[in-house]
Amino acid sequence: MTNWSPTLITRVMLAVAIVLSAFPLYWMLVIASRTNADAVAVPPPFLPGGNLGQNIVAVLNNEDAHFLLGLTNSFIVASVVTVSVVIISTLAGFSFASLTFKGRNVLLLLVLLTMAVPLQQMGVVPLYRLMVSLEWTGTLKAVILPYLLNGFGVFLMAQYTRQAVPMELVEAARVDGAATLRIWWNVVLPAVRPGMAVLGINTFMLMWNDFMWPLIVLTPDNPTVQIAITSLNARFSTNYTLIFAGTALSIIPLIAVFVAFGRQIVGGLMEGAVKA
């Protein structure tokens, strides 16, 4: 086995990539810890100030933003949708990858077609009319329902299951008398855990950052966190310090989810490397 050692150019490029990736987060903390006058000063400050705690308290006490409620609503929506997408996509992916049934290829093609059409933008009007008919506008159900399943998740898990679960393993379990759901639970799920983690992180981040659909169906008194951040603006001016402080608070759950699911990804990859 050949040991590969990075060159100086590789190290420099990695360092530049890290700095460029981390700078927006650092700049967010700088502005969040300053006054609004510092945020619009020329030249701008490049070191954090001492107002971070004060700005966070102002965000949490802002009566127009309902920030804590927005955090709670976003966590509920993102968690429910993530669990639903991961479970349904894993079941559907197992079906497309390991089961033989009539019309399988046609159904998979339809799933791929849903990925080629911007359903969120094209379906806003009929979806909103449906929510009005169900009398769900202003509730979290209206945000959750349209996202409980997506074609990308099904396609991702179908492809991952094909690579991670050999057909011989599925057939062996079936010969031993295992039912289809038992095969999915005992054989497929442990093998596709890294793919589920990737899908879970991606889905949670998309739902946490979603803005357009919650803005349409929810009210200002019952927002998600992204709507709450926009409500931090003053009526005739932009309060950058509050917006950046709210943004800093809003990314904490994302970091926690990434750390939790990231361990699953690394653990699954290392397990696969050992088996290989």
C-alpha atoms as a PDB file:
ATOM      1  CA  MET A   1       0.000   0.000   0.000  1.00  0.00           C
ATOM      2  CA  THR A   2       1.481   3.323  -1.085  1.00  0.00           C
ATOM      3  CA  ASN A   3       1.508   6.216   1.374  1.00  0.00           C
ATOM      4  CA  TRP A   4       0.377   9.460  -0.221  1.00  0.00           C
ATOM      5  CA  SER A   5       1.783  12.690   1.146  1.00  0.00           C
ATOM      6  CA  PRO A   6       0.216  16.047   0.209  1.00  0.00           C
ATOM      7  CA  THR A   7       2.383  18.573  -1.603  1.00  0.00           C
ATOM      8  CA  LEU A   8       2.828  22.206  -0.609  1.00  0.00           C
ATOM      9  CA  ILE A   9       0.355  23.317  -3.297  1.00  0.00           C
ATOM     10  CA  THR A  10      -2.245  20.913  -1.922  1.00  0.00           C
ATOM     11  CA  ARG A  11      -1.772  22.231   1.591  1.00  0.00           C
ATOM     12  CA  VAL A  12      -2.060  25.843   0.415  1.00  0.00           C
ATOM     13  CA  MET A  13      -5.223  25.122  -1.591  1.00  0.00           C
ATOM     14  CA  LEU A  14      -6.815  23.325   1.380  1.00  0.00           C
ATOM     15  CA  ALA A  15      -5.911  26.227   3.676  1.00  0.00           C
ATOM     16  CA  VAL A  16      -7.447  28.742   1.248  1.00  0.00           C
ATOM     17  CA  ALA A  17     -10.593  26.624   0.941  1.00  0.00           C
ATOM     18  CA  ILE A  18     -10.923  26.427   4.738  1.00  0.00           C
ATOM     19  CA  VAL A  19     -10.483  30.192   5.138  1.00  0.00           C
ATOM     20  CA  LEU A  20     -13.023  30.983   2.419  1.00  0.00           C
ATOM     21  CA  SER A  21     -15.509  28.551   3.938  1.00  0.00           C
ATOM     22  CA  ALA A  22     -15.068  29.766   7.513  1.00  0.00           C
ATOM     23  CA  PHE A  23     -14.936  33.518   6.833  1.00  0.00           C
ATOM     24  CA  PRO A  24     -18.733  34.014   6.396  1.00  0.00           C
ATOM     25  CA  LEU A  25     -19.286  32.389   9.806  1.00  0.00           C
ATOM     26  CA  TYR A  26     -16.595  34.546  11.379  1.00  0.00           C
ATOM     27  CA  TRP A  27     -18.021  37.685   9.783  1.00  0.00           C
ATOM     28  CA  MET A  28     -21.475  36.756  11.064  1.00  0.00           C
ATOM     29  CA  LEU A  29     -20.117  36.587  14.621  1.00  0.00           C
ATOM     30  CA  VAL A  30     -18.259  39.887  14.172  1.00  0.00           C
ATOM     31  CA  ILE A  31     -21.393  41.788  13.136  1.00  0.00           C
ATOM     32  CA  ALA A  32     -23.571  39.936  15.667  1.00  0.00           C
ATOM     33  CA  SER A  33     -21.281  41.162  18.463  1.00  0.00           C
ATOM     34  CA  ARG A  34     -21.208  44.806  17.307  1.00  0.00           C
ATOM     35  CA  THR A  35     -23.583  47.750  17.132  1.00  0.00           C
ATOM     36  CA  ASN A  36     -25.537  48.623  14.010  1.00  0.00           C
ATOM     37  CA  ALA A  37     -23.301  51.668  13.489  1.00  0.00           C
ATOM     38  CA  ASP A  38     -20.252  49.379  13.413  1.00  0.00           C
ATOM     39  CA  ALA A  39     -21.965  47.123  10.876  1.00  0.00           C
ATOM     40  CA  VAL A  40     -22.282  49.929   8.317  1.00  0.00           C
ATOM     41  CA  ALA A  41     -18.970  51.630   9.139  1.00  0.00           C
ATOM     42  CA  VAL A  42     -16.300  52.105   6.459  1.00  0.00           C
ATOM     43  CA  PRO A  43     -13.880  50.419   6.840  1.00  0.00           C
ATOM     44  CA  PRO A  44     -15.805  47.682   8.661  1.00  0.00           C
ATOM     45  CA  PRO A  45     -14.532  46.123  11.892  1.00  0.00           C
ATOM     46  CA  PHE A  46     -12.734  42.795  11.588  1.00  0.00           C
ATOM     47  CA  LEU A  47     -12.660  41.805  15.263  1.00  0.00           C
ATOM     48  CA  PRO A  48     -15.639  40.729  17.405  1.00  0.00           C
ATOM     49  CA  GLY A  49     -17.119  43.262  19.805  1.00  0.00           C
ATOM     50  CA  GLY A  50     -18.687  42.871  23.216  1.00  0.00           C
ATOM     51  CA  ASN A  51     -22.393  43.157  22.388  1.00  0.00           C
ATOM     52  CA  LEU A  52     -23.155  39.549  21.404  1.00  0.00           C
ATOM     53  CA  GLY A  53     -25.073  38.711  24.582  1.00  0.00           C
ATOM     54  CA  GLN A  54     -27.011  41.973  24.438  1.00  0.00           C
ATOM     55  CA  ASN A  55     -27.947  41.429  20.790  1.00  0.00           C
ATOM     56  CA  ILE A  56     -29.067  37.845  21.445  1.00  0.00           C
ATOM     57  CA  VAL A  57     -31.298  39.027  24.297  1.00  0.00           C
ATOM     58  CA  ALA A  58     -32.739  41.696  21.973  1.00  0.00           C
ATOM     59  CA  VAL A  59     -33.479  39.009  19.367  1.00  0.00           C
ATOM     60  CA  LEU A  60     -35.229  36.762  21.878  1.00  0.00           C
ATOM     61  CA  ASN A  61     -37.249  39.670  23.305  1.00  0.00           C
ATOM     62  CA  ASN A  62     -38.312  41.083  19.927  1.00  0.00           C
ATOM     63  CA  GLU A  63     -42.118  41.015  19.991  1.00  0.00           C
ATOM     64  CA  ASP A  64     -42.487  41.127  16.208  1.00  0.00           C
ATOM     65  CA  ALA A  65     -40.151  38.213  15.442  1.00  0.00           C
ATOM     66  CA  HIS A  66     -41.443  35.472  17.801  1.00  0.00           C
ATOM     67  CA  PHE A  67     -37.966  34.004  17.482  1.00  0.00           C
ATOM     68  CA  LEU A  68     -38.208  31.185  20.036  1.00  0.00           C
ATOM     69  CA  LEU A  69     -41.483  30.066  18.501  1.00  0.00           C
ATOM     70  CA  GLY A  70     -39.837  30.187  15.074  1.00  0.00           C
ATOM     71  CA  LEU A  71     -36.983  27.980  16.292  1.00  0.00           C
ATOM     72  CA  THR A  72     -39.444  25.496  17.772  1.00  0.00           C
ATOM     73  CA  ASN A  73     -41.605  25.425  14.649  1.00  0.00           C
ATOM     74  CA  SER A  74     -38.619  24.943  12.354  1.00  0.00           C
ATOM     75  CA  PHE A  75     -37.310  22.103  14.507  1.00  0.00           C
ATOM     76  CA  ILE A  76     -40.704  20.366  14.476  1.00  0.00           C
ATOM     77  CA  VAL A  77     -41.130  20.771  10.713  1.00  0.00           C
ATOM     78  CA  ALA A  78     -37.574  19.759   9.826  1.00  0.00           C
ATOM     79  CA  SER A  79     -37.575  16.767  12.196  1.00  0.00           C
ATOM     80  CA  VAL A  80     -40.937  15.359  11.058  1.00  0.00           C
ATOM     81  CA  VAL A  81     -40.108  15.795   7.374  1.00  0.00           C
ATOM     82  CA  THR A  82     -36.613  14.326   7.787  1.00  0.00           C
ATOM     83  CA  VAL A  83     -37.886  11.206   9.553  1.00  0.00           C
ATOM     84  CA  SER A  84     -40.630  10.745   6.962  1.00  0.00           C
ATOM     85  CA  VAL A  85     -38.349  11.249   3.956  1.00  0.00           C
ATOM     86  CA  VAL A  86     -35.623   8.951   5.301  1.00  0.00           C
ATOM     87  CA  ILE A  87     -37.998   6.102   6.195  1.00  0.00           C
ATOM     88  CA  ILE A  88     -40.118   6.270   3.036  1.00  0.00           C
ATOM     89  CA  SER A  89     -37.102   6.762   0.779  1.00  0.00           C
ATOM     90  CA  THR A  90     -35.286   3.818   2.365  1.00  0.00           C
ATOM     91  CA  LEU A  91     -38.333   1.580   1.902  1.00  0.00           C
ATOM     92  CA  ALA A  92     -38.861   2.729  -1.679  1.00  0.00           C
ATOM     93  CA  GLY A  93     -35.147   2.484  -2.464  1.00  0.00           C
ATOM     94  CA  PHE A  94     -35.076  -1.090  -1.170  1.00  0.00           C
ATOM     95  CA  SER A  95     -38.112  -1.923  -3.303  1.00  0.00           C
ATOM     96  CA  PHE A  96     -36.596  -0.490  -6.491  1.00  0.00           C
ATOM     97  CA  ALA A  97     -33.153  -1.968  -5.856  1.00  0.00           C
ATOM     98  CA  SER A  98     -33.867  -5.426  -4.472  1.00  0.00           C
ATOM     99  CA  LEU A  99     -37.433  -6.423  -5.354  1.00  0.00           C
ATOM    100  CA  THR A 100     -38.817  -7.489  -8.707  1.00  0.00           C
ATOM    101  CA  PHE A 101     -42.338  -6.364  -9.588  1.00  0.00           C
ATOM    102  CA  LYS A 102     -44.275  -5.305 -12.640  1.00  0.00           C
ATOM    103  CA  GLY A 103     -43.793  -1.668 -13.654  1.00  0.00           C
ATOM    104  CA  ARG A 104     -40.697  -1.118 -11.500  1.00  0.00           C
ATOM    105  CA  ASN A 105     -38.727   0.697 -14.199  1.00  0.00           C
ATOM    106  CA  VAL A 106     -41.701   2.856 -15.170  1.00  0.00           C
ATOM    107  CA  LEU A 107     -42.253   3.927 -11.567  1.00  0.00           C
ATOM    108  CA  LEU A 108     -38.566   4.736 -11.146  1.00  0.00           C
ATOM    109  CA  LEU A 109     -38.705   6.816 -14.323  1.00  0.00           C
ATOM    110  CA  LEU A 110     -41.651   8.760 -12.891  1.00  0.00           C
ATOM    111  CA  VAL A 111     -39.599   9.408  -9.750  1.00  0.00           C
ATOM    112  CA  LEU A 112     -36.770  10.775 -11.897  1.00  0.00           C
ATOM    113  CA  LEU A 113     -39.215  13.005 -13.784  1.00  0.00           C
ATOM    114  CA  THR A 114     -40.348  14.610 -10.524  1.00  0.00           C
ATOM    115  CA  MET A 115     -36.729  15.648  -9.967  1.00  0.00           C
ATOM    116  CA  ALA A 116     -36.640  17.381 -13.358  1.00  0.00           C
ATOM    117  CA  VAL A 117     -39.693  19.571 -12.653  1.00  0.00           C
ATOM    118  CA  PRO A 118     -39.596  22.430 -10.091  1.00  0.00           C
ATOM    119  CA  LEU A 119     -42.696  21.238  -8.263  1.00  0.00           C
ATOM    120  CA  GLN A 120     -42.407  23.791  -5.464  1.00  0.00           C
ATOM    121  CA  GLN A 121     -42.557  26.754  -7.831  1.00  0.00           C
ATOM    122  CA  MET A 122     -45.071  25.264 -10.269  1.00  0.00           C
ATOM    123  CA  GLY A 123     -47.311  23.838  -7.564  1.00  0.00           C
ATOM    124  CA  VAL A 124     -47.600  26.865  -5.279  1.00  0.00           C
ATOM    125  CA  VAL A 125     -51.086  27.886  -6.423  1.00  0.00           C
ATOM    126  CA  PRO A 126     -52.757  24.430  -6.335  1.00  0.00           C
ATOM    127  CA  LEU A 127     -50.988  23.572  -3.084  1.00  0.00           C
ATOM    128  CA  TYR A 128     -52.146  26.792  -1.462  1.00  0.00           C
ATOM    129  CA  ARG A 129     -55.718  26.208  -2.659  1.00  0.00           C
ATOM    130  CA  LEU A 130     -55.535  22.702  -1.193  1.00  0.00           C
ATOM    131  CA  MET A 131     -54.392  24.061   2.167  1.00  0.00           C
ATOM    132  CA  VAL A 132     -57.215  26.606   2.138  1.00  0.00           C
ATOM    133  CA  SER A 133     -59.711  23.836   1.384  1.00  0.00           C
ATOM    134  CA  LEU A 134     -58.339  21.762   4.261  1.00  0.00           C
ATOM    135  CA  GLU A 135     -58.345  24.872   6.495  1.00  0.00           C
ATOM    136  CA  TRP A 136     -54.687  24.254   7.323  1.00  0.00           C
ATOM    137  CA  THR A 137     -53.313  27.712   6.495  1.00  0.00           C
ATOM    138  CA  GLY A 138     -51.459  29.179   9.429  1.00  0.00           C
ATOM    139  CA  THR A 139     -50.603  25.742  10.848  1.00  0.00           C
ATOM    140  CA  LEU A 140     -47.478  23.611  10.657  1.00  0.00           C
ATOM    141  CA  LYS A 141     -49.402  20.841   8.894  1.00  0.00           C
ATOM    142  CA  ALA A 142     -49.505  23.000   5.784  1.00  0.00           C
ATOM    143  CA  VAL A 143     -45.702  23.248   5.795  1.00  0.00           C
ATOM    144  CA  ILE A 144     -45.082  19.568   6.556  1.00  0.00           C
ATOM    145  CA  LEU A 145     -47.483  17.782   4.205  1.00  0.00           C
ATOM    146  CA  PRO A 146     -45.994  18.745   0.787  1.00  0.00           C
ATOM    147  CA  TYR A 147     -42.497  17.613   1.818  1.00  0.00           C
ATOM    148  CA  LEU A 148     -43.127  14.210   3.405  1.00  0.00           C
ATOM    149  CA  LEU A 149     -41.664  12.501   0.331  1.00  0.00           C
ATOM    150  CA  ASN A 150     -39.331  13.609  -2.443  1.00  0.00           C
ATOM    151  CA  GLY A 151     -37.974  11.965  -5.571  1.00  0.00           C
ATOM    152  CA  PHE A 152     -34.353  12.745  -4.776  1.00  0.00           C
ATOM    153  CA  GLY A 153     -34.482  10.716  -1.576  1.00  0.00           C
ATOM    154  CA  VAL A 154     -36.026   7.711  -3.320  1.00  0.00           C
ATOM    155  CA  PHE A 155     -33.481   7.836  -6.145  1.00  0.00           C
ATOM    156  CA  LEU A 156     -30.540   8.286  -3.750  1.00  0.00           C
ATOM    157  CA  MET A 157     -31.529   5.355  -1.554  1.00  0.00           C
ATOM    158  CA  ALA A 158     -32.299   3.145  -4.554  1.00  0.00           C
ATOM    159  CA  GLN A 159     -28.818   3.724  -5.950  1.00  0.00           C
ATOM    160  CA  TYR A 160     -27.156   3.363  -2.560  1.00  0.00           C
ATOM    161  CA  THR A 161     -29.039   0.147  -1.768  1.00  0.00           C
ATOM    162  CA  ARG A 162     -27.949  -1.370  -5.090  1.00  0.00           C
ATOM    163  CA  GLN A 163     -24.310  -0.779  -4.174  1.00  0.00           C
ATOM    164  CA  ALA A 164     -24.442  -1.560  -0.440  1.00  0.00           C
ATOM    165  CA  VAL A 165     -26.757  -4.601  -0.344  1.00  0.00           C
ATOM    166  CA  PRO A 166     -25.844  -7.529  -2.617  1.00  0.00           C
ATOM    167  CA  MET A 167     -28.789  -9.461  -4.031  1.00  0.00           C
ATOM    168  CA  GLU A 168     -27.219 -12.664  -2.698  1.00  0.00           C
ATOM    169  CA  LEU A 169     -27.619 -11.325   0.845  1.00  0.00           C
ATOM    170  CA  VAL A 170     -31.304 -10.547   0.272  1.00  0.00           C
ATOM    171  CA  GLU A 171     -31.912 -13.961  -1.301  1.00  0.00           C
ATOM    172  CA  ALA A 172     -30.120 -15.696   1.573  1.00  0.00           C
ATOM    173  CA  ALA A 173     -32.351 -13.926   4.086  1.00  0.00           C
ATOM    174  CA  ARG A 174     -35.432 -14.878   2.084  1.00  0.00           C
ATOM    175  CA  VAL A 175     -34.318 -18.517   1.970  1.00  0.00           C
ATOM    176  CA  ASP A 176     -33.978 -18.426   5.762  1.00  0.00           C
ATOM    177  CA  GLY A 177     -37.661 -17.495   5.922  1.00  0.00           C
ATOM    178  CA  ALA A 178     -37.390 -13.744   6.554  1.00  0.00           C
ATOM    179  CA  ALA A 179     -40.319 -11.619   5.359  1.00  0.00           C
ATOM    180  CA  THR A 180     -39.769  -8.537   3.220  1.00  0.00           C
ATOM    181  CA  LEU A 181     -40.065  -6.041   6.079  1.00  0.00           C
ATOM    182  CA  ARG A 182     -37.765  -8.144   8.238  1.00  0.00           C
ATOM    183  CA  ILE A 183     -35.169  -8.165   5.442  1.00  0.00           C
ATOM    184  CA  TRP A 184     -35.474  -4.385   5.203  1.00  0.00           C
ATOM    185  CA  TRP A 185     -35.092  -3.965   8.957  1.00  0.00           C
ATOM    186  CA  ASN A 186     -32.354  -6.506   9.705  1.00  0.00           C
ATOM    187  CA  VAL A 187     -30.371  -6.613   6.461  1.00  0.00           C
ATOM    188  CA  VAL A 188     -30.882  -3.396   4.519  1.00  0.00           C
ATOM    189  CA  LEU A 189     -30.996  -0.711   7.219  1.00  0.00           C
ATOM    190  CA  PRO A 190     -27.603  -1.521   8.803  1.00  0.00           C
ATOM    191  CA  ALA A 191     -25.962  -1.528   5.354  1.00  0.00           C
ATOM    192  CA  VAL A 192     -27.461   1.769   4.128  1.00  0.00           C
ATOM    193  CA  ARG A 193     -26.928   3.738   7.349  1.00  0.00           C
ATOM    194  CA  PRO A 194     -24.400   6.187   5.799  1.00  0.00           C
ATOM    195  CA  GLY A 195     -26.784   6.923   2.923  1.00  0.00           C
ATOM    196  CA  MET A 196     -29.604   7.538   5.382  1.00  0.00           C
ATOM    197  CA  ALA A 197     -27.378   9.945   7.309  1.00  0.00           C
ATOM    198  CA  VAL A 198     -26.529  11.903   4.144  1.00  0.00           C
ATOM    199  CA  LEU A 199     -30.198  12.076   3.175  1.00  0.00           C
ATOM    200  CA  GLY A 200     -31.178  13.071   6.702  1.00  0.00           C
ATOM    201  CA  ILE A 201     -28.666  15.927   6.859  1.00  0.00           C
ATOM    202  CA  ASN A 202     -29.638  17.179   3.412  1.00  0.00           C
ATOM    203  CA  THR A 203     -33.370  17.049   4.143  1.00  0.00           C
ATOM    204  CA  PHE A 204     -33.056  18.700   7.562  1.00  0.00           C
ATOM    205  CA  MET A 205     -30.980  21.549   6.144  1.00  0.00           C
ATOM    206  CA  LEU A 206     -33.366  22.112   3.225  1.00  0.00           C
ATOM    207  CA  MET A 207     -36.402  22.236   5.502  1.00  0.00           C
ATOM    208  CA  TRP A 208     -34.653  24.401   8.104  1.00  0.00           C
ATOM    209  CA  ASN A 209     -33.678  26.951   5.449  1.00  0.00           C
ATOM    210  CA  ASP A 210     -36.959  26.844   3.525  1.00  0.00           C
ATOM    211  CA  PHE A 211     -38.459  30.315   3.250  1.00  0.00           C
ATOM    212  CA  MET A 212     -40.941  30.683   0.392  1.00  0.00           C
ATOM    213  CA  TRP A 213     -43.576  28.083   1.277  1.00  0.00           C
ATOM    214  CA  PRO A 214     -43.709  28.879   5.047  1.00  0.00           C
ATOM    215  CA  LEU A 215     -43.955  32.563   4.151  1.00  0.00           C
ATOM    216  CA  ILE A 216     -47.027  31.795   2.011  1.00  0.00           C
ATOM    217  CA  VAL A 217     -48.968  29.496   4.334  1.00  0.00           C
ATOM    218  CA  LEU A 218     -47.973  30.686   7.816  1.00  0.00           C
ATOM    219  CA  THR A 219     -48.869  33.865   9.667  1.00  0.00           C
ATOM    220  CA  PRO A 220     -46.365  36.307  11.253  1.00  0.00           C
ATOM    221  CA  ASP A 221     -47.550  35.174  14.690  1.00  0.00           C
ATOM    222  CA  ASN A 222     -46.658  31.534  13.956  1.00  0.00           C
ATOM    223  CA  PRO A 223     -43.447  31.673  11.887  1.00  0.00           C
ATOM    224  CA  THR A 224     -40.537  29.409  11.145  1.00  0.00           C
ATOM    225  CA  VAL A 225     -37.071  30.632  12.052  1.00  0.00           C
ATOM    226  CA  GLN A 226     -36.301  32.041   8.588  1.00  0.00           C
ATOM    227  CA  ILE A 227     -39.433  34.194   8.662  1.00  0.00           C
ATOM    228  CA  ALA A 228     -38.624  35.232  12.222  1.00  0.00           C
ATOM    229  CA  ILE A 229     -35.184  36.442  11.101  1.00  0.00           C
ATOM    230  CA  THR A 230     -36.718  38.679   8.440  1.00  0.00           C
ATOM    231  CA  SER A 231     -39.049  40.130  11.083  1.00  0.00           C
ATOM    232  CA  LEU A 232     -36.039  41.404  13.028  1.00  0.00           C
ATOM    233  CA  ASN A 233     -35.726  44.331  10.625  1.00  0.00           C
ATOM    234  CA  ALA A 234     -36.837  47.712  11.831  1.00  0.00           C
ATOM    235  CA  ARG A 235     -39.746  49.281   9.985  1.00  0.00           C
ATOM    236  CA  PHE A 236     -37.720  51.863   8.032  1.00  0.00           C
ATOM    237  CA  SER A 237     -34.157  50.543   8.409  1.00  0.00           C
ATOM    238  CA  THR A 238     -32.147  47.336   8.487  1.00  0.00           C
ATOM    239  CA  ASN A 239     -30.832  46.212  11.848  1.00  0.00           C
ATOM    240  CA  TYR A 240     -27.863  44.119  10.769  1.00  0.00           C
ATOM    241  CA  THR A 241     -26.740  43.236  14.286  1.00  0.00           C
ATOM    242  CA  LEU A 242     -30.072  41.640  15.201  1.00  0.00           C
ATOM    243  CA  ILE A 243     -30.292  39.813  11.879  1.00  0.00           C
ATOM    244  CA  PHE A 244     -26.785  38.382  12.230  1.00  0.00           C
ATOM    245  CA  ALA A 245     -27.354  37.510  15.893  1.00  0.00           C
ATOM    246  CA  GLY A 246     -30.567  35.708  14.939  1.00  0.00           C
ATOM    247  CA  THR A 247     -28.753  33.931  12.136  1.00  0.00           C
ATOM    248  CA  ALA A 248     -26.036  32.821  14.563  1.00  0.00           C
ATOM    249  CA  LEU A 249     -28.699  31.348  16.843  1.00  0.00           C
ATOM    250  CA  SER A 250     -30.447  29.659  13.923  1.00  0.00           C
ATOM    251  CA  ILE A 251     -27.401  27.678  12.791  1.00  0.00           C
ATOM    252  CA  ILE A 252     -26.805  26.044  16.186  1.00  0.00           C
ATOM    253  CA  PRO A 253     -29.381  23.251  15.543  1.00  0.00           C
ATOM    254  CA  LEU A 254     -27.855  22.674  12.094  1.00  0.00           C
ATOM    255  CA  ILE A 255     -24.410  22.211  13.620  1.00  0.00           C
ATOM    256  CA  ALA A 256     -25.828  19.814  16.223  1.00  0.00           C
ATOM    257  CA  VAL A 257     -27.593  17.739  13.556  1.00  0.00           C
ATOM    258  CA  PHE A 258     -24.481  17.650  11.395  1.00  0.00           C
ATOM    259  CA  VAL A 259     -22.350  16.455  14.314  1.00  0.00           C
ATOM    260  CA  ALA A 260     -24.868  13.748  15.242  1.00  0.00           C
ATOM    261  CA  PHE A 261     -25.437  12.454  11.699  1.00  0.00           C
ATOM    262  CA  GLY A 262     -21.820  13.026  10.677  1.00  0.00           C
ATOM    263  CA  ARG A 263     -20.706  10.398  13.157  1.00  0.00           C
ATOM    264  CA  GLN A 264     -23.060   7.928  11.503  1.00  0.00           C
ATOM    265  CA  ILE A 265     -21.556   8.721   8.086  1.00  0.00           C
ATOM    266  CA  VAL A 266     -17.977   8.289   9.272  1.00  0.00           C
ATOM    267  CA  GLY A 267     -18.845   5.161  11.258  1.00  0.00           C
ATOM    268  CA  GLY A 268     -20.586   3.584   8.269  1.00  0.00           C
ATOM    269  CA  LEU A 269     -17.727   4.412   5.921  1.00  0.00           C
ATOM    270  CA  MET A 270     -15.134   3.012   8.310  1.00  0.00           C
ATOM    271  CA  GLU A 271     -17.214  -0.138   8.802  1.00  0.00           C
ATOM    272  CA  GLY A 272     -17.391  -0.607   5.050  1.00  0.00           C
ATOM    273  CA  ALA A 273     -13.640  -0.078   4.705  1.00  0.00           C
ATOM    274  CA  VAL A 274     -12.932  -2.725   7.344  1.00  0.00           C
ATOM    275  CA  LYS A 275     -15.244  -5.209   5.606  1.00  0.00           C
ATOM    276  CA  ALA A 276     -13.588  -4.486   2.273  1.00  0.00           C
END
